[in-house]
N, C-alpha and C. Protein backbone atom coordinates (compact mmCIF):
# COMPACT_ATOMS: atom_id res chain seq x y z
N UNK A 1 0.85 -1.18 0.00
CA UNK A 1 0.00 0.00 0.00
C UNK A 1 0.89 1.24 0.00
N UNK A 2 0.60 2.16 -0.89
CA UNK A 2 1.40 3.37 -1.04
C UNK A 2 0.93 4.44 -0.06
N UNK A 3 1.87 5.05 0.63
CA UNK A 3 1.55 6.08 1.61
C UNK A 3 1.63 7.45 0.93
N UNK A 4 0.60 8.24 1.11
CA UNK A 4 0.57 9.57 0.51
C UNK A 4 0.71 10.63 1.60
N UNK A 5 1.50 11.64 1.30
CA UNK A 5 1.70 12.72 2.26
C UNK A 5 0.61 13.78 2.19
N UNK A 6 -0.20 13.76 1.16
CA UNK A 6 -1.21 14.79 1.00
C UNK A 6 -2.20 14.86 2.16
N UNK A 7 -2.76 13.75 2.64
CA UNK A 7 -3.67 13.87 3.79
C UNK A 7 -2.97 14.41 5.04
N UNK A 8 -1.73 14.03 5.23
CA UNK A 8 -0.98 14.52 6.39
C UNK A 8 -0.77 16.03 6.29
N UNK A 9 -0.42 16.49 5.09
CA UNK A 9 -0.22 17.93 4.89
C UNK A 9 -1.53 18.69 5.09
N UNK A 10 -2.62 18.14 4.57
CA UNK A 10 -3.93 18.80 4.71
C UNK A 10 -4.33 18.89 6.18
N UNK A 11 -4.02 17.87 6.95
CA UNK A 11 -4.37 17.90 8.38
C UNK A 11 -3.44 18.79 9.19
N UNK A 12 -2.16 18.84 8.83
CA UNK A 12 -1.21 19.64 9.59
C UNK A 12 -1.23 21.12 9.22
N UNK A 13 -1.70 21.45 8.03
CA UNK A 13 -1.64 22.84 7.56
C UNK A 13 -2.38 23.81 8.48
N UNK A 14 -3.62 23.55 8.89
CA UNK A 14 -4.28 24.50 9.79
C UNK A 14 -3.54 24.67 11.12
N UNK A 15 -2.98 23.60 11.64
CA UNK A 15 -2.23 23.69 12.89
C UNK A 15 -1.00 24.56 12.71
N UNK A 16 -0.29 24.35 11.59
CA UNK A 16 0.90 25.16 11.32
C UNK A 16 0.53 26.63 11.08
N UNK A 17 -0.59 26.88 10.42
CA UNK A 17 -1.02 28.26 10.18
C UNK A 17 -1.38 28.96 11.49
N UNK A 18 -2.06 28.25 12.39
CA UNK A 18 -2.40 28.84 13.69
C UNK A 18 -1.12 29.13 14.47
N UNK A 19 -0.17 28.22 14.42
CA UNK A 19 1.11 28.47 15.08
C UNK A 19 1.82 29.68 14.47
N UNK A 20 1.72 29.82 13.17
CA UNK A 20 2.30 30.99 12.50
C UNK A 20 1.64 32.28 12.94
N UNK A 21 0.31 32.27 13.07
CA UNK A 21 -0.41 33.45 13.58
C UNK A 21 0.08 33.82 14.97
N UNK A 22 0.26 32.83 15.82
CA UNK A 22 0.69 33.09 17.19
C UNK A 22 2.10 33.67 17.21
N UNK A 23 3.01 33.09 16.46
CA UNK A 23 4.40 33.57 16.45
C UNK A 23 4.48 34.98 15.90
N UNK A 24 3.82 35.24 14.76
CA UNK A 24 3.87 36.57 14.16
C UNK A 24 3.13 37.57 15.03
N UNK A 25 2.01 37.16 15.63
CA UNK A 25 1.26 38.06 16.52
C UNK A 25 2.08 38.47 17.74
N UNK A 26 2.84 37.55 18.30
CA UNK A 26 3.70 37.89 19.43
C UNK A 26 4.84 38.82 19.01
N UNK A 27 5.33 38.62 17.77
CA UNK A 27 6.47 39.41 17.32
C UNK A 27 6.08 40.83 16.94
N UNK A 28 4.97 41.01 16.22
CA UNK A 28 4.65 42.37 15.75
C UNK A 28 3.35 42.91 16.33
N UNK A 29 2.56 42.10 17.01
CA UNK A 29 1.32 42.59 17.61
C UNK A 29 0.10 42.16 16.82
N UNK A 30 -1.06 42.35 17.44
CA UNK A 30 -2.32 41.88 16.85
C UNK A 30 -2.70 42.65 15.59
N UNK A 31 -2.77 44.00 15.67
CA UNK A 31 -3.25 44.79 14.54
C UNK A 31 -2.33 44.74 13.34
N UNK A 32 -1.01 44.81 13.51
CA UNK A 32 -0.16 44.63 12.33
C UNK A 32 -0.29 43.24 11.70
N UNK A 33 -0.52 42.21 12.53
CA UNK A 33 -0.70 40.86 12.00
C UNK A 33 -1.97 40.80 11.16
N UNK A 34 -3.06 41.35 11.67
CA UNK A 34 -4.31 41.36 10.90
C UNK A 34 -4.18 42.19 9.63
N UNK A 35 -3.49 43.32 9.73
CA UNK A 35 -3.28 44.15 8.54
C UNK A 35 -2.45 43.40 7.49
N UNK A 36 -1.47 42.65 7.94
CA UNK A 36 -0.63 41.87 7.01
C UNK A 36 -1.46 40.78 6.32
N UNK A 37 -2.33 40.14 7.06
CA UNK A 37 -3.19 39.11 6.47
C UNK A 37 -4.14 39.72 5.44
N UNK A 38 -4.73 40.86 5.76
CA UNK A 38 -5.64 41.53 4.82
C UNK A 38 -4.88 42.00 3.59
N UNK A 39 -3.68 42.53 3.79
CA UNK A 39 -2.86 43.00 2.67
C UNK A 39 -2.49 41.85 1.73
N UNK A 40 -2.08 40.72 2.28
CA UNK A 40 -1.72 39.60 1.40
C UNK A 40 -2.94 39.02 0.70
N UNK A 41 -4.11 39.05 1.35
CA UNK A 41 -5.32 38.58 0.69
C UNK A 41 -5.70 39.49 -0.48
N UNK A 42 -5.56 40.80 -0.29
CA UNK A 42 -5.84 41.73 -1.39
C UNK A 42 -4.83 41.55 -2.53
N UNK A 43 -3.57 41.33 -2.16
CA UNK A 43 -2.54 41.06 -3.17
C UNK A 43 -2.87 39.79 -3.94
N UNK A 44 -3.37 38.77 -3.25
CA UNK A 44 -3.76 37.54 -3.91
C UNK A 44 -4.88 37.75 -4.91
N UNK A 45 -5.86 38.58 -4.55
CA UNK A 45 -6.95 38.87 -5.48
C UNK A 45 -6.45 39.61 -6.72
N UNK A 46 -5.55 40.55 -6.51
CA UNK A 46 -4.99 41.30 -7.65
C UNK A 46 -4.21 40.36 -8.57
N UNK A 47 -3.43 39.47 -7.97
CA UNK A 47 -2.64 38.53 -8.78
C UNK A 47 -3.56 37.57 -9.52
N UNK A 48 -4.63 37.13 -8.86
CA UNK A 48 -5.58 36.25 -9.55
C UNK A 48 -6.21 36.94 -10.75
N UNK A 49 -6.57 38.19 -10.57
CA UNK A 49 -7.21 38.93 -11.67
C UNK A 49 -6.22 39.14 -12.82
N UNK A 50 -5.03 39.62 -12.50
CA UNK A 50 -4.04 39.89 -13.54
C UNK A 50 -3.41 38.61 -14.06
N UNK A 51 -3.27 37.60 -13.21
CA UNK A 51 -2.64 36.35 -13.64
C UNK A 51 -3.46 35.62 -14.67
N UNK A 52 -4.77 35.60 -14.50
CA UNK A 52 -5.63 34.94 -15.48
C UNK A 52 -5.59 35.64 -16.83
N UNK A 53 -5.66 36.97 -16.79
CA UNK A 53 -5.59 37.73 -18.04
C UNK A 53 -4.21 37.61 -18.68
N UNK A 54 -3.16 37.61 -17.85
CA UNK A 54 -1.80 37.46 -18.37
C UNK A 54 -1.59 36.10 -19.00
N UNK A 55 -2.18 35.07 -18.40
CA UNK A 55 -2.04 33.73 -18.96
C UNK A 55 -2.72 33.64 -20.32
N UNK A 56 -3.88 34.25 -20.46
CA UNK A 56 -4.57 34.24 -21.75
C UNK A 56 -3.74 34.99 -22.79
N UNK A 57 -3.17 36.13 -22.40
CA UNK A 57 -2.31 36.89 -23.31
C UNK A 57 -1.08 36.08 -23.73
N UNK A 58 -0.44 35.40 -22.77
CA UNK A 58 0.74 34.59 -23.09
C UNK A 58 0.39 33.43 -24.01
N UNK A 59 -0.76 32.82 -23.80
CA UNK A 59 -1.19 31.73 -24.68
C UNK A 59 -1.47 32.23 -26.09
N UNK A 60 -2.08 33.42 -26.20
CA UNK A 60 -2.33 33.99 -27.52
C UNK A 60 -1.02 34.31 -28.23
N UNK A 61 -0.05 34.87 -27.49
CA UNK A 61 1.25 35.17 -28.09
C UNK A 61 1.96 33.91 -28.53
N UNK A 62 1.88 32.85 -27.73
CA UNK A 62 2.51 31.59 -28.11
C UNK A 62 1.84 31.01 -29.35
N UNK A 63 0.52 31.16 -29.46
CA UNK A 63 -0.18 30.68 -30.64
C UNK A 63 0.18 31.47 -31.89
N UNK A 64 0.36 32.78 -31.74
CA UNK A 64 0.73 33.62 -32.90
C UNK A 64 2.12 33.31 -33.40
N UNK A 65 3.05 33.07 -32.49
CA UNK A 65 4.44 32.83 -32.90
C UNK A 65 4.69 31.38 -33.26
N UNK A 66 3.73 30.50 -33.00
CA UNK A 66 3.90 29.10 -33.34
C UNK A 66 4.65 28.30 -32.29
N UNK A 67 4.89 28.88 -31.13
CA UNK A 67 5.58 28.16 -30.06
C UNK A 67 4.61 27.23 -29.36
N UNK A 68 5.18 26.30 -28.62
CA UNK A 68 4.34 25.42 -27.81
C UNK A 68 3.84 26.20 -26.60
N UNK A 69 2.56 26.15 -26.29
CA UNK A 69 2.01 26.95 -25.21
C UNK A 69 2.20 26.32 -23.83
N UNK A 70 2.92 25.21 -23.73
CA UNK A 70 3.02 24.51 -22.45
C UNK A 70 3.68 25.37 -21.38
N UNK A 71 4.79 26.02 -21.71
CA UNK A 71 5.49 26.82 -20.70
C UNK A 71 4.64 28.01 -20.26
N UNK A 72 3.97 28.66 -21.20
CA UNK A 72 3.10 29.78 -20.85
C UNK A 72 1.94 29.30 -19.98
N UNK A 73 1.43 28.14 -20.27
CA UNK A 73 0.33 27.58 -19.49
C UNK A 73 0.77 27.23 -18.08
N UNK A 74 1.94 26.61 -17.95
CA UNK A 74 2.44 26.22 -16.63
C UNK A 74 2.80 27.46 -15.81
N UNK A 75 3.45 28.45 -16.43
CA UNK A 75 3.78 29.68 -15.71
C UNK A 75 2.52 30.41 -15.26
N UNK A 76 1.54 30.52 -16.13
CA UNK A 76 0.29 31.16 -15.75
C UNK A 76 -0.43 30.39 -14.66
N UNK A 77 -0.41 29.07 -14.77
CA UNK A 77 -1.03 28.25 -13.74
C UNK A 77 -0.37 28.42 -12.39
N UNK A 78 0.96 28.52 -12.38
CA UNK A 78 1.66 28.73 -11.11
C UNK A 78 1.37 30.12 -10.53
N UNK A 79 1.20 31.12 -11.40
CA UNK A 79 0.82 32.44 -10.89
C UNK A 79 -0.59 32.43 -10.30
N UNK A 80 -1.49 31.69 -10.92
CA UNK A 80 -2.85 31.58 -10.39
C UNK A 80 -2.82 30.84 -9.05
N UNK A 81 -2.05 29.78 -8.95
CA UNK A 81 -1.92 29.07 -7.67
C UNK A 81 -1.32 29.98 -6.61
N UNK A 82 -0.34 30.80 -7.01
CA UNK A 82 0.25 31.76 -6.06
C UNK A 82 -0.80 32.75 -5.58
N UNK A 83 -1.66 33.23 -6.47
CA UNK A 83 -2.72 34.14 -6.06
C UNK A 83 -3.71 33.49 -5.10
N UNK A 84 -4.04 32.22 -5.35
CA UNK A 84 -4.94 31.51 -4.45
C UNK A 84 -4.29 31.34 -3.08
N UNK A 85 -3.01 30.97 -3.06
CA UNK A 85 -2.31 30.78 -1.79
C UNK A 85 -2.17 32.09 -1.03
N UNK A 86 -1.99 33.20 -1.73
CA UNK A 86 -1.92 34.49 -1.06
C UNK A 86 -3.29 34.92 -0.53
N UNK A 87 -4.34 34.55 -1.23
CA UNK A 87 -5.69 34.92 -0.80
C UNK A 87 -6.10 34.18 0.48
N UNK A 88 -5.68 32.93 0.59
CA UNK A 88 -6.01 32.12 1.77
C UNK A 88 -5.26 32.70 2.97
N UNK A 89 -5.96 33.00 4.07
CA UNK A 89 -5.27 33.59 5.22
C UNK A 89 -4.31 32.60 5.86
N UNK A 90 -3.10 33.05 6.07
CA UNK A 90 -2.08 32.22 6.71
C UNK A 90 -0.71 32.62 6.19
N UNK A 91 0.27 32.53 7.06
CA UNK A 91 1.60 32.97 6.68
C UNK A 91 2.38 31.92 5.90
N UNK A 92 2.14 30.65 6.16
CA UNK A 92 2.84 29.60 5.41
C UNK A 92 2.37 29.58 3.97
N UNK A 93 1.06 29.68 3.76
CA UNK A 93 0.55 29.73 2.38
C UNK A 93 1.01 31.01 1.69
N UNK A 94 1.14 32.11 2.44
CA UNK A 94 1.65 33.35 1.84
C UNK A 94 3.10 33.20 1.40
N UNK A 95 3.91 32.53 2.20
CA UNK A 95 5.31 32.32 1.83
C UNK A 95 5.42 31.46 0.57
N UNK A 96 4.62 30.39 0.52
CA UNK A 96 4.63 29.53 -0.67
C UNK A 96 4.14 30.31 -1.89
N UNK A 97 3.09 31.12 -1.71
CA UNK A 97 2.57 31.93 -2.82
C UNK A 97 3.58 32.95 -3.31
N UNK A 98 4.28 33.60 -2.38
CA UNK A 98 5.29 34.57 -2.79
C UNK A 98 6.45 33.89 -3.50
N UNK A 99 6.80 32.68 -3.07
CA UNK A 99 7.86 31.94 -3.76
C UNK A 99 7.46 31.60 -5.19
N UNK A 100 6.18 31.24 -5.38
CA UNK A 100 5.72 30.90 -6.72
C UNK A 100 5.65 32.11 -7.65
N UNK A 101 5.66 33.31 -7.08
CA UNK A 101 5.67 34.51 -7.92
C UNK A 101 7.06 34.81 -8.48
N UNK A 102 8.08 34.22 -7.89
CA UNK A 102 9.45 34.49 -8.34
C UNK A 102 9.73 33.70 -9.63
N UNK A 103 10.23 34.37 -10.67
CA UNK A 103 10.49 33.67 -11.94
C UNK A 103 11.51 32.53 -11.80
N UNK A 104 12.47 32.67 -10.91
CA UNK A 104 13.47 31.61 -10.75
C UNK A 104 12.82 30.33 -10.21
N UNK A 105 11.90 30.48 -9.28
CA UNK A 105 11.21 29.31 -8.72
C UNK A 105 10.30 28.68 -9.77
N UNK A 106 9.61 29.51 -10.55
CA UNK A 106 8.75 28.98 -11.61
C UNK A 106 9.56 28.25 -12.66
N UNK A 107 10.73 28.79 -13.03
CA UNK A 107 11.56 28.10 -14.03
C UNK A 107 12.13 26.80 -13.45
N UNK A 108 12.41 26.76 -12.14
CA UNK A 108 12.86 25.53 -11.50
C UNK A 108 11.78 24.46 -11.60
N UNK A 109 10.52 24.82 -11.29
CA UNK A 109 9.43 23.87 -11.40
C UNK A 109 9.17 23.48 -12.85
N UNK A 110 9.37 24.42 -13.78
CA UNK A 110 9.18 24.11 -15.19
C UNK A 110 10.21 23.08 -15.64
N UNK A 111 11.44 23.19 -15.18
CA UNK A 111 12.46 22.19 -15.53
C UNK A 111 12.12 20.82 -14.98
N UNK A 112 11.47 20.79 -13.84
CA UNK A 112 11.08 19.51 -13.25
C UNK A 112 9.90 18.90 -14.02
N UNK A 113 8.90 19.71 -14.36
CA UNK A 113 7.68 19.20 -14.97
C UNK A 113 7.74 19.07 -16.48
N UNK A 114 8.70 19.73 -17.13
CA UNK A 114 8.74 19.74 -18.60
C UNK A 114 8.77 18.35 -19.23
N UNK A 115 9.55 17.39 -18.73
CA UNK A 115 9.56 16.07 -19.39
C UNK A 115 8.23 15.33 -19.30
N UNK A 116 7.39 15.69 -18.34
CA UNK A 116 6.13 14.98 -18.16
C UNK A 116 4.96 15.63 -18.88
N UNK A 117 5.18 16.76 -19.52
CA UNK A 117 4.09 17.50 -20.17
C UNK A 117 4.16 17.28 -21.67
N UNK A 118 3.04 16.85 -22.23
CA UNK A 118 2.93 16.67 -23.67
C UNK A 118 1.77 17.53 -24.14
N UNK A 119 2.03 18.37 -25.10
CA UNK A 119 1.00 19.25 -25.63
C UNK A 119 0.51 18.65 -26.94
N UNK A 120 -0.78 18.45 -27.02
CA UNK A 120 -1.38 17.94 -28.25
C UNK A 120 -1.97 19.12 -29.01
N UNK A 121 -1.65 19.20 -30.29
CA UNK A 121 -2.21 20.28 -31.09
C UNK A 121 -2.58 19.76 -32.45
N UNK A 122 -3.42 20.51 -33.12
CA UNK A 122 -3.81 20.18 -34.47
C UNK A 122 -3.09 21.14 -35.39
N UNK A 123 -2.11 20.62 -36.09
CA UNK A 123 -1.35 21.44 -37.03
C UNK A 123 -1.91 21.17 -38.44
N UNK A 124 -1.39 21.91 -39.39
CA UNK A 124 -1.87 21.73 -40.76
C UNK A 124 -1.44 20.38 -41.31
N UNK A 125 -0.46 19.74 -40.69
CA UNK A 125 0.01 18.44 -41.17
C UNK A 125 -0.74 17.29 -40.53
N UNK A 126 -1.68 17.56 -39.65
CA UNK A 126 -2.42 16.50 -38.99
C UNK A 126 -2.30 16.62 -37.48
N UNK A 127 -2.65 15.56 -36.80
CA UNK A 127 -2.61 15.56 -35.34
C UNK A 127 -1.19 15.28 -34.87
N UNK A 128 -0.70 16.13 -34.00
CA UNK A 128 0.65 15.96 -33.48
C UNK A 128 0.58 15.96 -31.96
N UNK A 129 1.07 14.90 -31.35
CA UNK A 129 1.01 14.82 -29.90
C UNK A 129 2.38 14.82 -29.26
N UNK A 130 3.43 14.86 -30.03
CA UNK A 130 4.77 14.89 -29.47
C UNK A 130 5.44 16.20 -29.87
N UNK A 131 5.53 17.17 -28.95
CA UNK A 131 6.07 18.47 -29.33
C UNK A 131 7.57 18.44 -29.57
N UNK A 132 8.26 17.41 -29.10
CA UNK A 132 9.71 17.38 -29.23
C UNK A 132 10.17 16.78 -30.54
N UNK A 133 9.32 16.04 -31.20
CA UNK A 133 9.72 15.37 -32.43
C UNK A 133 8.92 15.88 -33.61
N UNK A 134 9.19 15.30 -34.78
CA UNK A 134 8.44 15.71 -35.96
C UNK A 134 6.99 15.23 -35.86
N UNK A 135 6.17 15.81 -36.69
CA UNK A 135 4.76 15.45 -36.67
C UNK A 135 4.60 14.00 -37.11
N UNK A 136 4.12 13.18 -36.21
CA UNK A 136 3.91 11.76 -36.53
C UNK A 136 2.42 11.56 -36.77
N UNK A 137 2.02 11.77 -38.01
CA UNK A 137 0.61 11.74 -38.35
C UNK A 137 0.28 10.42 -39.03
N UNK A 138 -0.85 9.84 -38.68
CA UNK A 138 -1.33 8.63 -39.34
C UNK A 138 -2.49 8.97 -40.26
N UNK A 139 -2.66 10.23 -40.57
CA UNK A 139 -3.74 10.67 -41.43
C UNK A 139 -3.23 10.66 -42.87
N UNK A 140 -3.98 10.03 -43.75
CA UNK A 140 -3.64 10.00 -45.16
C UNK A 140 -4.69 10.83 -45.88
N UNK A 141 -4.23 11.86 -46.58
CA UNK A 141 -5.15 12.74 -47.29
C UNK A 141 -5.28 12.26 -48.73
N UNK A 142 -6.47 11.82 -49.08
CA UNK A 142 -6.73 11.32 -50.43
C UNK A 142 -7.78 12.17 -51.12
N UNK A 143 -7.66 12.26 -52.44
CA UNK A 143 -8.70 12.89 -53.24
C UNK A 143 -9.83 11.88 -53.42
N UNK A 144 -10.99 12.37 -53.90
CA UNK A 144 -12.14 11.48 -54.08
C UNK A 144 -11.87 10.38 -55.07
N UNK A 145 -11.15 10.68 -56.15
CA UNK A 145 -10.89 9.66 -57.17
C UNK A 145 -9.82 8.66 -56.73
N UNK A 146 -9.04 8.99 -55.71
CA UNK A 146 -8.02 8.07 -55.20
C UNK A 146 -8.61 7.02 -54.26
N UNK A 147 -9.80 7.24 -53.76
CA UNK A 147 -10.39 6.34 -52.78
C UNK A 147 -11.53 5.55 -53.40
N UNK A 148 -11.56 4.26 -53.14
CA UNK A 148 -12.70 3.44 -53.53
C UNK A 148 -12.89 2.36 -52.47
N UNK A 149 -14.12 1.91 -52.32
CA UNK A 149 -14.44 0.93 -51.29
C UNK A 149 -14.67 -0.42 -51.98
N UNK A 150 -13.99 -1.43 -51.47
CA UNK A 150 -14.21 -2.79 -51.94
C UNK A 150 -15.26 -3.44 -51.06
N UNK A 151 -16.21 -4.07 -51.63
CA UNK A 151 -17.22 -4.78 -50.85
C UNK A 151 -18.49 -3.97 -50.73
N UNK A 152 -19.43 -4.49 -49.95
CA UNK A 152 -20.74 -3.82 -49.85
C UNK A 152 -20.64 -2.53 -49.05
N UNK A 153 -21.57 -1.67 -49.33
CA UNK A 153 -21.70 -0.44 -48.56
C UNK A 153 -22.47 -0.77 -47.30
N UNK A 154 -21.79 -0.96 -46.22
CA UNK A 154 -22.49 -1.35 -45.00
C UNK A 154 -22.35 -0.29 -43.92
N UNK A 155 -22.35 0.94 -44.32
CA UNK A 155 -22.25 2.01 -43.35
C UNK A 155 -23.62 2.32 -42.76
N UNK A 156 -23.74 2.35 -41.43
CA UNK A 156 -25.03 2.72 -40.84
C UNK A 156 -25.35 4.20 -41.04
N UNK A 157 -24.39 4.97 -41.49
CA UNK A 157 -24.62 6.41 -41.69
C UNK A 157 -24.96 6.75 -43.14
N UNK A 158 -25.11 5.75 -43.96
CA UNK A 158 -25.44 5.99 -45.35
C UNK A 158 -26.84 6.58 -45.45
N UNK A 159 -27.04 7.63 -46.27
CA UNK A 159 -28.38 8.22 -46.38
C UNK A 159 -29.38 7.29 -47.07
N UNK A 160 -28.90 6.41 -47.92
CA UNK A 160 -29.78 5.49 -48.63
C UNK A 160 -29.87 4.19 -47.83
N UNK A 161 -31.08 3.85 -47.37
CA UNK A 161 -31.25 2.65 -46.53
C UNK A 161 -30.92 1.37 -47.30
N UNK A 162 -31.02 1.40 -48.64
CA UNK A 162 -30.72 0.21 -49.43
C UNK A 162 -29.23 -0.07 -49.50
N UNK A 163 -28.39 0.92 -49.17
CA UNK A 163 -26.95 0.72 -49.19
C UNK A 163 -26.44 -0.02 -47.95
N UNK A 164 -27.28 -0.19 -46.98
CA UNK A 164 -26.83 -0.81 -45.73
C UNK A 164 -27.08 -2.30 -45.75
N UNK A 165 -26.14 -3.06 -45.28
CA UNK A 165 -26.31 -4.50 -45.13
C UNK A 165 -26.73 -4.78 -43.69
N UNK A 166 -27.80 -4.12 -43.27
CA UNK A 166 -28.31 -4.28 -41.92
C UNK A 166 -29.70 -4.89 -41.99
N UNK A 167 -30.10 -5.59 -40.97
CA UNK A 167 -31.46 -6.11 -40.99
C UNK A 167 -32.45 -4.95 -40.96
N UNK A 168 -33.46 -5.06 -41.82
CA UNK A 168 -34.47 -4.01 -41.89
C UNK A 168 -35.55 -4.29 -40.87
N UNK A 169 -36.06 -3.23 -40.21
CA UNK A 169 -37.12 -3.45 -39.22
C UNK A 169 -38.44 -3.84 -39.84
């Protein structure tokens, strides 16, 4: 049986956040602590608003230039996650959110996740699912006179019911 750390993290996070509130509250006082929490939540909302629009802009630019949109998508996604973490009250989530806003941290995560990300796109040469290699398409484009069917017309989608080799009701 595989052990997952996610439930442990989910259970420990509120305890760690409360401990963070206590430590910061003792160090700087109650009102500055509350002001800091409100400030980071407002910053998170601003980042969420601008991050979503920025991600759409980056994806459009990648589409115009013909680049793979994977890096723009992952960077935008990390900015959105950073905004969510900043919006959630707590100092540990704020630290993680601020780290995700740093381009060096995002590029570090991109280097880790890049081998596992495959972008599928529809190019003019057919369906391509491997962005690192040439287009490996199994689509054969034929003209009408190049194609002929051997055998009976047994398509259920044929408009003429007499063309089908199906039992008639």
